[in-house]
Amino acid sequence: MRRLFATANYDFIAYRRQALMFSGALLLICLAAALFWQVSRGSWLNYGVDFTGGTLAQVAFNRDMTVGELRPVIDAAFPGAELTRFGGSNEFLIRTPVVAGDTTSDVADVLPHTLAEAYGEGSFTIQRTEAVSAKVGGELQMRALLAVLLSLAATLVYLAFRFEWRFGLAAVIATLHDVIATLGLVSLLRLEVGLPMVAAVLTIVGYSLNDTIIIFDRVRENLHGLARKADFPSVLYRSINETLPRTVLTTATTLATLVTLFLLGGSTLREFAMILIIGIVLGTYSSIFIAAPALLAIENRWPAERKKAARTPTRAKASA
């Protein structure tokens, strides 16, 4: 792979307008989907039991079973419950909302009894049962949002200290792009949002920043060596191509692991792996097509002090 990209010479910066149009179209599609779900379902994200409160049960039957056959039985015992197929052809998720007076033990006791009456003992297996109160779910929503915001704030402070505030701002813009686009695709695909989703989003933040920092670190090195010989777009162009082998290798190996997890990790890990795959692809894309052009735009708007310093000797010589 290193030999393949050893002489990389791709002008990614020249496609920044096309990348901006692509990102804008993606975000608009996600926004439309979020508005549709908000109006039709009352929430733009498909919050799981972790955040909404209620009980989630995963049931596997020993014979062929359809949603249409199972729904009347579930609706009679748990009004308002959601029923979806999950994992194998005979596996289902039953999500019951929080109802005043209900407890976890009530649902755990009633569900096996209901299914046994309808289909017989031994015809099914309850693989897992999870329950969260509505109050705890609301607190978890706030804490999850706070965790993401604090991670972005800490990133901005670190990068401003490590590099310059321009680098930090560009990195945060790219990371916000990844987080918003990932959540938008999660809304579009109607993936379930639970605590594993928060872990996935924080992982995506870390990965995207790591990839961006690699490029920015090379930009800083090249600025010291090429500041008097090349303009800023040329420095960006060279830095992206020099780090491209590492970017491609890191992304390829990470995706190989996640795709394996998605295919072989079982139904409980499939959505988690899918979210990470989406985030890793977006993180790699944004490091090249969002972070670098953002840094260029910021540099053009607020030139660094090095430009003033570079012009000072010339002016002094002219006045002499």
Protein backbone atom coordinates (compact mmCIF):
# COMPACT_ATOMS: atom_id res chain seq x y z
CA MET A 1 0.00 0.00 0.00
CA ARG A 2 2.84 2.37 0.81
CA ARG A 3 4.39 1.64 -2.57
CA LEU A 4 1.02 2.22 -4.25
CA PHE A 5 0.76 5.75 -2.77
CA ALA A 6 4.48 6.49 -2.51
CA THR A 7 4.22 9.00 -5.37
CA ALA A 8 0.71 10.23 -4.63
CA ASN A 9 -0.03 13.41 -6.52
CA TYR A 10 -3.73 14.10 -6.13
CA ASP A 11 -5.07 17.64 -6.02
CA PHE A 12 -7.81 17.05 -3.43
CA ILE A 13 -8.05 20.76 -2.64
CA ALA A 14 -9.20 21.45 -6.20
CA TYR A 15 -12.36 19.42 -5.51
CA ARG A 16 -13.33 21.29 -2.36
CA ARG A 17 -16.38 22.87 -4.02
CA GLN A 18 -17.66 19.47 -5.19
CA ALA A 19 -17.04 18.08 -1.70
CA LEU A 20 -18.97 20.99 -0.18
CA MET A 21 -21.87 20.33 -2.54
CA PHE A 22 -21.83 16.61 -1.68
CA SER A 23 -21.78 17.29 2.05
CA GLY A 24 -24.53 19.87 1.71
CA ALA A 25 -26.73 17.47 -0.24
CA LEU A 26 -26.11 14.69 2.29
CA LEU A 27 -27.00 16.94 5.22
CA LEU A 28 -30.13 18.20 3.45
CA ILE A 29 -31.31 14.63 2.83
CA CYS A 30 -30.67 13.75 6.46
CA LEU A 31 -32.47 16.91 7.61
CA ALA A 32 -35.50 16.01 5.48
CA ALA A 33 -35.53 12.50 6.93
CA ALA A 34 -35.21 13.85 10.48
CA LEU A 35 -38.14 16.24 9.94
CA PHE A 36 -40.23 13.42 8.49
CA TRP A 37 -39.58 11.14 11.47
CA GLN A 38 -40.15 14.00 13.90
CA VAL A 39 -43.57 14.71 12.41
CA SER A 40 -44.65 11.11 11.83
CA ARG A 41 -43.15 9.41 14.89
CA GLY A 42 -42.67 12.27 17.33
CA SER A 43 -38.87 11.88 17.45
CA TRP A 44 -36.25 12.33 14.75
CA LEU A 45 -34.11 9.60 16.33
CA ASN A 46 -35.22 6.07 17.07
CA TYR A 47 -34.40 6.17 20.78
CA GLY A 48 -34.02 2.81 22.45
CA VAL A 49 -35.04 1.78 25.93
CA ASP A 50 -31.82 3.29 27.32
CA PHE A 51 -33.13 6.79 26.56
CA THR A 52 -36.93 6.55 26.50
CA GLY A 53 -37.55 4.15 29.36
CA GLY A 54 -39.50 0.94 29.07
CA THR A 55 -38.73 -2.73 28.59
CA LEU A 56 -37.01 -4.40 25.66
CA ALA A 57 -37.28 -8.14 25.13
CA GLN A 58 -35.63 -10.23 22.42
CA VAL A 59 -37.54 -13.41 21.60
CA ALA A 60 -36.51 -16.29 19.32
CA PHE A 61 -39.09 -18.86 18.18
CA ASN A 62 -38.39 -22.48 17.29
CA ARG A 63 -40.65 -22.39 14.25
CA ASP A 64 -41.48 -20.02 11.41
CA MET A 65 -43.18 -16.93 12.73
CA THR A 66 -44.35 -13.75 11.03
CA VAL A 67 -44.87 -10.27 12.42
CA GLY A 68 -48.52 -10.41 11.40
CA GLU A 69 -49.07 -13.61 13.39
CA LEU A 70 -47.30 -12.35 16.50
CA ARG A 71 -48.62 -8.78 16.60
CA PRO A 72 -52.18 -9.48 17.85
CA VAL A 73 -50.81 -11.48 20.78
CA ILE A 74 -48.35 -8.73 21.77
CA ASP A 75 -50.90 -5.91 21.29
CA ALA A 76 -53.41 -7.68 23.53
CA ALA A 77 -50.89 -8.07 26.37
CA PHE A 78 -48.91 -4.83 25.91
CA PRO A 79 -50.91 -2.01 24.28
CA GLY A 80 -48.65 0.41 22.44
CA ALA A 81 -45.72 -2.01 22.23
CA GLU A 82 -43.45 -1.96 19.16
CA LEU A 83 -42.71 -5.24 17.39
CA THR A 84 -39.89 -5.60 14.87
CA ARG A 85 -38.02 -8.48 13.30
CA PHE A 86 -34.46 -8.72 14.55
CA GLY A 87 -31.50 -10.92 13.65
CA GLY A 88 -32.68 -14.28 12.33
CA SER A 89 -35.94 -14.93 10.51
CA ASN A 90 -37.68 -16.08 13.70
CA GLU A 91 -36.24 -13.48 16.10
CA PHE A 92 -38.17 -10.41 17.23
CA LEU A 93 -37.71 -7.34 19.39
CA ILE A 94 -40.61 -6.36 21.63
CA ARG A 95 -40.34 -2.83 23.04
CA THR A 96 -42.92 -1.81 25.61
CA PRO A 97 -43.22 1.83 26.74
CA VAL A 98 -43.23 2.89 30.37
CA VAL A 99 -46.73 2.79 31.85
CA ALA A 100 -47.60 4.07 35.32
CA GLY A 101 -47.62 1.20 37.76
CA ASP A 102 -45.60 -1.16 35.56
CA THR A 103 -42.33 -2.63 36.75
CA THR A 104 -39.61 -4.63 35.09
CA SER A 105 -40.69 -7.81 36.84
CA ASP A 106 -44.28 -7.34 35.57
CA VAL A 107 -43.17 -7.43 31.92
CA ALA A 108 -40.64 -10.20 32.50
CA ASP A 109 -43.37 -12.36 34.08
CA VAL A 110 -46.25 -11.52 31.75
CA LEU A 111 -44.39 -11.96 28.45
CA PRO A 112 -43.37 -15.65 28.90
CA HIS A 113 -46.84 -16.48 30.20
CA THR A 114 -48.51 -14.73 27.24
CA LEU A 115 -46.35 -16.42 24.64
CA ALA A 116 -46.72 -19.82 26.30
CA GLU A 117 -50.50 -19.54 26.22
CA ALA A 118 -50.51 -18.58 22.56
CA TYR A 119 -47.82 -20.89 21.15
CA GLY A 120 -47.06 -23.47 23.84
CA GLU A 121 -44.24 -24.05 26.29
CA GLY A 122 -40.83 -24.56 24.73
CA SER A 123 -41.78 -22.93 21.44
CA PHE A 124 -39.72 -19.83 22.14
CA THR A 125 -36.69 -18.51 24.02
CA ILE A 126 -36.43 -15.09 25.64
CA GLN A 127 -32.82 -14.22 24.90
CA ARG A 128 -32.62 -10.95 26.82
CA THR A 129 -34.72 -8.46 28.75
CA GLU A 130 -33.69 -4.85 29.47
CA ALA A 131 -35.59 -2.19 31.39
CA VAL A 132 -34.99 1.48 32.17
CA SER A 133 -37.26 3.98 33.90
CA ALA A 134 -38.35 7.09 32.00
CA LYS A 135 -36.53 9.37 34.46
CA VAL A 136 -33.25 7.52 34.05
CA GLY A 137 -33.70 7.55 30.27
CA GLY A 138 -34.10 11.32 30.22
CA GLU A 139 -31.01 11.79 32.38
CA LEU A 140 -29.01 9.54 30.06
CA GLN A 141 -30.02 11.65 27.05
CA MET A 142 -28.65 14.81 28.68
CA ARG A 143 -25.46 13.11 29.80
CA ALA A 144 -24.86 11.65 26.35
CA LEU A 145 -25.25 15.09 24.72
CA LEU A 146 -22.99 16.63 27.36
CA ALA A 147 -20.32 13.98 26.75
CA VAL A 148 -20.22 14.75 23.03
CA LEU A 149 -20.13 18.54 23.55
CA LEU A 150 -17.39 18.33 26.18
CA SER A 151 -15.29 16.12 23.93
CA LEU A 152 -15.52 18.70 21.14
CA ALA A 153 -14.66 21.57 23.53
CA ALA A 154 -11.67 19.67 24.92
CA THR A 155 -10.52 18.98 21.37
CA LEU A 156 -10.64 22.65 20.44
CA VAL A 157 -8.58 23.60 23.49
CA TYR A 158 -6.02 20.85 22.88
CA LEU A 159 -5.54 21.65 19.19
CA ALA A 160 -5.34 25.38 19.85
CA PHE A 161 -2.57 24.68 22.35
CA ARG A 162 -0.82 22.04 20.26
CA PHE A 163 -0.98 23.90 16.93
CA GLU A 164 -2.83 27.20 16.42
CA TRP A 165 -6.44 28.17 16.98
CA ARG A 166 -6.92 27.99 13.19
CA PHE A 167 -6.07 24.29 13.19
CA GLY A 168 -8.33 23.65 16.15
CA LEU A 169 -11.28 25.42 14.56
CA ALA A 170 -10.86 23.56 11.27
CA ALA A 171 -10.64 20.21 13.09
CA VAL A 172 -13.78 20.92 15.11
CA ILE A 173 -15.66 21.92 11.93
CA ALA A 174 -14.72 18.60 10.31
CA THR A 175 -15.63 16.66 13.45
CA LEU A 176 -19.01 18.40 13.76
CA HIS A 177 -19.61 17.50 10.12
CA ASP A 178 -18.94 13.83 10.92
CA VAL A 179 -21.13 13.76 14.02
CA ILE A 180 -24.07 15.55 12.37
CA ALA A 181 -23.84 13.46 9.19
CA THR A 182 -23.58 10.23 11.20
CA LEU A 183 -26.61 11.09 13.34
CA GLY A 184 -28.45 12.15 10.19
CA LEU A 185 -27.79 8.80 8.52
CA VAL A 186 -28.79 7.03 11.73
CA SER A 187 -32.07 8.94 11.58
CA LEU A 188 -32.49 8.20 7.87
CA LEU A 189 -31.89 4.46 8.35
CA ARG A 190 -33.94 4.45 11.57
CA LEU A 191 -31.23 2.69 13.55
CA GLU A 192 -31.83 2.30 17.26
CA VAL A 193 -30.13 4.88 19.46
CA GLY A 194 -28.92 3.54 22.80
CA LEU A 195 -25.86 3.78 25.01
CA PRO A 196 -23.76 1.81 22.48
CA MET A 197 -24.56 4.60 20.01
CA VAL A 198 -22.98 7.15 22.36
CA ALA A 199 -19.85 5.01 22.55
CA ALA A 200 -19.82 4.75 18.75
CA VAL A 201 -20.17 8.53 18.30
CA LEU A 202 -17.35 9.25 20.74
CA THR A 203 -15.20 6.68 18.92
CA ILE A 204 -15.96 8.42 15.63
CA VAL A 205 -14.97 11.77 17.16
CA GLY A 206 -11.65 10.31 18.27
CA TYR A 207 -10.96 8.62 14.94
CA SER A 208 -11.84 11.66 12.86
CA LEU A 209 -9.65 13.91 15.01
CA ASN A 210 -6.75 11.47 14.88
CA ASP A 211 -6.84 11.38 11.09
CA THR A 212 -7.13 15.16 10.89
CA ILE A 213 -4.28 15.72 13.36
CA ILE A 214 -1.99 13.50 11.27
CA ILE A 215 -2.54 15.76 8.27
CA PHE A 216 -2.29 18.96 10.29
CA ASP A 217 0.93 17.83 11.95
CA ARG A 218 2.48 17.33 8.52
CA VAL A 219 1.17 20.74 7.47
CA ARG A 220 2.94 22.31 10.44
CA GLU A 221 6.19 20.51 9.59
CA ASN A 222 6.02 21.60 5.96
CA LEU A 223 5.21 25.19 6.93
CA HIS A 224 8.50 25.40 8.82
CA GLY A 225 10.45 24.04 5.87
CA LEU A 226 8.47 25.54 2.98
CA ALA A 227 7.11 28.80 4.39
CA ARG A 228 9.40 30.90 2.18
CA LYS A 229 9.15 28.61 -0.84
CA ALA A 230 5.48 27.70 -1.26
CA ASP A 231 2.07 29.24 -0.66
CA PHE A 232 -0.39 27.74 1.80
CA PRO A 233 -2.50 25.77 -0.76
CA SER A 234 0.69 24.09 -2.00
CA VAL A 235 1.63 23.14 1.55
CA LEU A 236 -1.80 21.59 2.09
CA TYR A 237 -1.57 19.77 -1.24
CA ARG A 238 1.80 18.28 -0.36
CA SER A 239 0.84 17.40 3.24
CA ILE A 240 -2.30 15.49 2.25
CA ASN A 241 -0.45 13.44 -0.35
CA GLU A 242 2.44 12.68 2.01
CA THR A 243 0.08 11.33 4.66
CA LEU A 244 -2.21 9.55 2.20
CA PRO A 245 -0.56 6.10 2.59
CA ARG A 246 -1.10 6.18 6.35
CA THR A 247 -4.66 7.45 5.94
CA VAL A 248 -5.58 4.69 3.49
CA LEU A 249 -3.86 1.96 5.52
CA THR A 250 -5.51 3.02 8.78
CA THR A 251 -8.95 3.28 7.20
CA ALA A 252 -8.64 -0.01 5.33
CA THR A 253 -7.56 -2.03 8.37
CA THR A 254 -10.21 -0.43 10.58
CA LEU A 255 -12.96 -1.08 8.05
CA ALA A 256 -11.82 -4.67 7.58
CA THR A 257 -12.32 -5.27 11.30
CA LEU A 258 -15.68 -3.51 11.40
CA VAL A 259 -17.02 -5.27 8.32
CA THR A 260 -16.06 -8.60 9.88
CA LEU A 261 -17.84 -7.56 13.06
CA PHE A 262 -20.88 -6.50 11.05
CA LEU A 263 -21.06 -9.80 9.17
CA LEU A 264 -20.09 -12.23 11.93
CA GLY A 265 -20.71 -10.36 15.19
CA GLY A 266 -24.34 -11.33 15.52
CA SER A 267 -27.52 -9.29 15.51
CA THR A 268 -26.75 -7.43 18.73
CA LEU A 269 -23.54 -5.94 17.29
CA ARG A 270 -24.69 -5.35 13.73
CA GLU A 271 -26.11 -1.85 14.18
CA PHE A 272 -23.17 -0.81 16.37
CA ALA A 273 -20.73 -1.95 13.67
CA MET A 274 -22.79 -0.22 10.96
CA ILE A 275 -22.67 3.10 12.82
CA LEU A 276 -18.90 2.83 13.19
CA ILE A 277 -18.47 1.95 9.51
CA ILE A 278 -20.46 5.04 8.54
CA GLY A 279 -18.45 7.21 10.94
CA ILE A 280 -15.04 5.91 9.84
CA VAL A 281 -15.83 6.53 6.16
CA LEU A 282 -17.09 10.03 6.96
CA GLY A 283 -14.08 10.71 9.19
CA THR A 284 -11.61 9.80 6.45
CA TYR A 285 -13.54 11.84 3.90
CA SER A 286 -13.78 14.90 6.15
CA SER A 287 -10.08 14.89 7.05
CA ILE A 288 -9.22 15.44 3.40
CA PHE A 289 -12.22 17.24 1.92
CA ILE A 290 -13.57 19.20 4.91
CA ALA A 291 -10.78 19.85 7.43
CA ALA A 292 -8.12 20.87 4.89
CA PRO A 293 -10.39 23.22 2.87
CA ALA A 294 -11.72 24.67 6.14
CA LEU A 295 -8.16 25.38 7.25
CA LEU A 296 -7.44 27.01 3.89
CA ALA A 297 -10.55 29.21 4.18
CA ILE A 298 -9.64 30.23 7.73
CA GLU A 299 -6.06 30.97 6.66
CA ASN A 300 -7.30 33.13 3.79
CA ARG A 301 -9.65 35.01 6.09
CA TRP A 302 -7.22 35.42 9.01
CA PRO A 303 -3.64 35.07 7.75
CA ALA A 304 -1.17 33.76 10.29
CA GLU A 305 1.52 35.95 11.79
CA ARG A 306 4.16 34.08 9.77
CA LYS A 307 3.00 35.93 6.64
CA LYS A 308 3.54 39.30 8.31
CA ALA A 309 6.88 38.15 9.59
CA ALA A 310 7.88 36.97 6.13
CA ARG A 311 7.03 40.39 4.63
CA THR A 312 8.85 42.44 7.29
CA PRO A 313 12.47 41.87 6.04
CA THR A 314 11.41 42.77 2.50
CA ARG A 315 9.87 46.05 3.62
CA ALA A 316 12.88 46.88 5.77
CA LYS A 317 15.24 46.23 2.88
CA ALA A 318 13.13 48.41 0.56
CA SER A 319 13.11 51.31 3.01
CA ALA A 320 16.89 51.06 3.42
